[in-house]
C-alpha atoms as a PDB file:
ATOM      1  CA  UNK A   1      82.090  -4.900 133.700  1.00  0.00           C
ATOM      2  CA  UNK A   2      79.530  -2.949 135.662  1.00  0.00           C
ATOM      3  CA  UNK A   3      81.358  -2.471 138.980  1.00  0.00           C
ATOM      4  CA  UNK A   4      83.113   0.944 138.896  1.00  0.00           C
ATOM      5  CA  UNK A   5      85.301   0.125 141.914  1.00  0.00           C
ATOM      6  CA  UNK A   6      86.581  -3.042 140.259  1.00  0.00           C
ATOM      7  CA  UNK A   7      87.178  -1.163 137.016  1.00  0.00           C
ATOM      8  CA  UNK A   8      89.199   1.507 138.842  1.00  0.00           C
ATOM      9  CA  UNK A   9      91.260  -1.132 140.658  1.00  0.00           C
ATOM     10  CA  UNK A  10      92.082  -2.889 137.384  1.00  0.00           C
ATOM     11  CA  UNK A  11      93.105   0.411 135.814  1.00  0.00           C
ATOM     12  CA  UNK A  12      95.413   1.162 138.758  1.00  0.00           C
ATOM     13  CA  UNK A  13      96.990  -2.277 138.494  1.00  0.00           C
ATOM     14  CA  UNK A  14      97.438  -1.947 134.751  1.00  0.00           C
ATOM     15  CA  UNK A  15      99.067   1.465 135.001  1.00  0.00           C
ATOM     16  CA  UNK A  16     101.444   0.694 137.822  1.00  0.00           C
ATOM     17  CA  UNK A  17     104.126   3.354 137.405  1.00  0.00           C
ATOM     18  CA  UNK A  18     106.840   1.175 138.870  1.00  0.00           C
ATOM     19  CA  UNK A  19     106.187  -1.491 136.227  1.00  0.00           C
ATOM     20  CA  UNK A  20     106.182   1.124 133.474  1.00  0.00           C
ATOM     21  CA  UNK A  21     109.484   2.526 134.758  1.00  0.00           C
ATOM     22  CA  UNK A  22     111.057  -0.937 134.851  1.00  0.00           C
ATOM     23  CA  UNK A  23     109.946  -1.605 131.280  1.00  0.00           C
ATOM     24  CA  UNK A  24     111.357   1.697 130.067  1.00  0.00           C
ATOM     25  CA  UNK A  25     114.595   1.140 131.975  1.00  0.00           C
ATOM     26  CA  UNK A  26     114.990  -2.208 130.190  1.00  0.00           C
ATOM     27  CA  UNK A  27     114.631  -0.740 126.696  1.00  0.00           C
ATOM     28  CA  UNK A  28     116.042   2.771 127.217  1.00  0.00           C
ATOM     29  CA  UNK A  29     119.541   2.098 125.877  1.00  0.00           C
ATOM     30  CA  UNK A  30     118.243   0.592 122.637  1.00  0.00           C
ATOM     31  CA  UNK A  31     115.752   3.457 122.281  1.00  0.00           C
ATOM     32  CA  UNK A  32     118.585   5.972 122.744  1.00  0.00           C
ATOM     33  CA  UNK A  33     120.720   4.276 120.058  1.00  0.00           C
ATOM     34  CA  UNK A  34     117.843   4.330 117.551  1.00  0.00           C
ATOM     35  CA  UNK A  35     117.117   7.978 118.377  1.00  0.00           C
ATOM     36  CA  UNK A  36     120.759   8.983 117.932  1.00  0.00           C
ATOM     37  CA  UNK A  37     120.908   7.192 114.560  1.00  0.00           C
ATOM     38  CA  UNK A  38     117.695   8.863 113.377  1.00  0.00           C
ATOM     39  CA  UNK A  39     118.876  12.315 114.468  1.00  0.00           C
ATOM     40  CA  UNK A  40     122.180  11.793 112.648  1.00  0.00           C
ATOM     41  CA  UNK A  41     120.238  10.956 109.451  1.00  0.00           C
ATOM     42  CA  UNK A  42     118.026  14.026 109.873  1.00  0.00           C
ATOM     43  CA  UNK A  43     121.075  16.275 110.312  1.00  0.00           C
ATOM     44  CA  UNK A  44     122.648  14.891 107.122  1.00  0.00           C
ATOM     45  CA  UNK A  45     119.363  15.389 105.256  1.00  0.00           C
ATOM     46  CA  UNK A  46     119.030  18.973 106.526  1.00  0.00           C
ATOM     47  CA  UNK A  47     122.581  19.677 105.392  1.00  0.00           C
ATOM     48  CA  UNK A  48     121.742  18.456 101.886  1.00  0.00           C
ATOM     49  CA  UNK A  49     118.557  20.554 101.821  1.00  0.00           C
ATOM     50  CA  UNK A  50     120.580  23.610 102.859  1.00  0.00           C
ATOM     51  CA  UNK A  51     123.025  22.940 100.017  1.00  0.00           C
ATOM     52  CA  UNK A  52     120.131  22.901  97.524  1.00  0.00           C
ATOM     53  CA  UNK A  53     118.503  26.069  98.845  1.00  0.00           C
ATOM     54  CA  UNK A  54     121.890  27.842  99.032  1.00  0.00           C
ATOM     55  CA  UNK A  55     122.561  26.944  95.392  1.00  0.00           C
ATOM     56  CA  UNK A  56     119.103  28.269  94.459  1.00  0.00           C
ATOM     57  CA  UNK A  57     119.781  31.579  96.195  1.00  0.00           C
ATOM     58  CA  UNK A  58     116.987  31.255  98.755  1.00  0.00           C
ATOM     59  CA  UNK A  59     117.128  33.902 101.471  1.00  0.00           C
ATOM     60  CA  UNK A  60     118.157  32.581 104.874  1.00  0.00           C
ATOM     61  CA  UNK A  61     114.945  34.013 106.300  1.00  0.00           C
ATOM     62  CA  UNK A  62     113.053  31.448 104.186  1.00  0.00           C
ATOM     63  CA  UNK A  63     115.086  28.393 105.193  1.00  0.00           C
ATOM     64  CA  UNK A  64     112.563  27.108 107.723  1.00  0.00           C
ATOM     65  CA  UNK A  65     109.755  26.260 105.272  1.00  0.00           C
ATOM     66  CA  UNK A  66     112.171  24.444 102.967  1.00  0.00           C
ATOM     67  CA  UNK A  67     113.664  22.523 105.893  1.00  0.00           C
ATOM     68  CA  UNK A  68     110.153  21.613 107.027  1.00  0.00           C
ATOM     69  CA  UNK A  69     109.421  20.302 103.527  1.00  0.00           C
ATOM     70  CA  UNK A  70     112.573  18.204 103.781  1.00  0.00           C
ATOM     71  CA  UNK A  71     111.587  16.908 107.215  1.00  0.00           C
ATOM     72  CA  UNK A  72     108.163  15.906 105.944  1.00  0.00           C
ATOM     73  CA  UNK A  73     109.694  14.092 102.980  1.00  0.00           C
ATOM     74  CA  UNK A  74     112.093  12.373 105.385  1.00  0.00           C
ATOM     75  CA  UNK A  75     109.167  11.239 107.493  1.00  0.00           C
ATOM     76  CA  UNK A  76     107.382  10.025 104.374  1.00  0.00           C
ATOM     77  CA  UNK A  77     110.419   8.027 103.275  1.00  0.00           C
ATOM     78  CA  UNK A  78     111.134   6.499 106.692  1.00  0.00           C
ATOM     79  CA  UNK A  79     107.796   5.994 108.402  1.00  0.00           C
ATOM     80  CA  UNK A  80     105.364   5.266 105.621  1.00  0.00           C
ATOM     81  CA  UNK A  81     105.385   1.980 103.784  1.00  0.00           C
ATOM     82  CA  UNK A  82     104.460   3.191 100.323  1.00  0.00           C
ATOM     83  CA  UNK A  83     106.498   2.930  97.157  1.00  0.00           C
ATOM     84  CA  UNK A  84     106.307   3.532  93.448  1.00  0.00           C
ATOM     85  CA  UNK A  85     103.780   5.882  91.927  1.00  0.00           C
ATOM     86  CA  UNK A  86     101.817   6.234  95.190  1.00  0.00           C
ATOM     87  CA  UNK A  87     104.998   7.395  96.870  1.00  0.00           C
ATOM     88  CA  UNK A  88     105.710   9.918  94.093  1.00  0.00           C
ATOM     89  CA  UNK A  89     102.141  11.227  94.358  1.00  0.00           C
ATOM     90  CA  UNK A  90     102.434  11.633  98.142  1.00  0.00           C
ATOM     91  CA  UNK A  91     105.673  13.586  97.659  1.00  0.00           C
ATOM     92  CA  UNK A  92     103.925  15.747  95.055  1.00  0.00           C
ATOM     93  CA  UNK A  93     101.150  16.550  97.544  1.00  0.00           C
ATOM     94  CA  UNK A  94     103.791  17.800  99.985  1.00  0.00           C
ATOM     95  CA  UNK A  95     105.436  19.833  97.220  1.00  0.00           C
ATOM     96  CA  UNK A  96     102.104  21.424  96.301  1.00  0.00           C
ATOM     97  CA  UNK A  97     101.382  22.188  99.962  1.00  0.00           C
ATOM     98  CA  UNK A  98     104.681  24.017 100.479  1.00  0.00           C
ATOM     99  CA  UNK A  99     104.412  25.771  97.113  1.00  0.00           C
ATOM    100  CA  UNK A 100     101.002  27.075  98.199  1.00  0.00           C
ATOM    101  CA  UNK A 101     102.710  28.405 101.338  1.00  0.00           C
ATOM    102  CA  UNK A 102     105.082  30.504  99.260  1.00  0.00           C
ATOM    103  CA  UNK A 103     108.043  28.231  98.534  1.00  0.00           C
ATOM    104  CA  UNK A 104     109.438  28.063  95.007  1.00  0.00           C
ATOM    105  CA  UNK A 105     108.124  24.868  93.347  1.00  0.00           C
ATOM    106  CA  UNK A 106     111.346  24.505  91.325  1.00  0.00           C
ATOM    107  CA  UNK A 107     113.468  24.529  94.482  1.00  0.00           C
ATOM    108  CA  UNK A 108     111.081  22.083  96.168  1.00  0.00           C
ATOM    109  CA  UNK A 109     111.282  19.790  93.136  1.00  0.00           C
ATOM    110  CA  UNK A 110     115.068  19.948  93.277  1.00  0.00           C
ATOM    111  CA  UNK A 111     115.011  18.977  96.950  1.00  0.00           C
ATOM    112  CA  UNK A 112     112.633  16.119  96.156  1.00  0.00           C
ATOM    113  CA  UNK A 113     114.861  14.823  93.354  1.00  0.00           C
ATOM    114  CA  UNK A 114     118.405  15.576  94.547  1.00  0.00           C
ATOM    115  CA  UNK A 115     118.079  14.941  98.279  1.00  0.00           C
ATOM    116  CA  UNK A 116     115.465  12.182  98.325  1.00  0.00           C
ATOM    117  CA  UNK A 117     115.769  10.721  94.800  1.00  0.00           C
ATOM    118  CA  UNK A 118     111.993  10.910  94.251  1.00  0.00           C
ATOM    119  CA  UNK A 119     110.793  11.462  90.702  1.00  0.00           C
ATOM    120  CA  UNK A 120     107.727  13.522  89.819  1.00  0.00           C
ATOM    121  CA  UNK A 121     104.585  11.388  89.497  1.00  0.00           C
ATOM    122  CA  UNK A 122     103.469  10.275  86.064  1.00  0.00           C
ATOM    123  CA  UNK A 123     100.229  12.066  85.442  1.00  0.00           C
END
């Protein structure tokens, strides 16, 4: 399409804010239910991670990196469609990343196993 005026008019029609609002209004309630369910799962997961790091004697000032590790594993388990050995290797990459940032690899491995039921990869 070589006509810039026509291109701009089509863009304006495509991105009609009223139409976008109507679409979002139609699906908002379902989106809110899915969000609430996901947040409830994340809160349960974070509670389990806190139990593990409490049992390991991790200082409260270091909770954030361990919780971030847990959140990344949660994302890996819920948004990626990988399983088996590939999944274990991806979890190991996250463990190595957070260990390199100063977290205790033993505590990270415990989180991986006890909270997410992910075994270490077979090397």
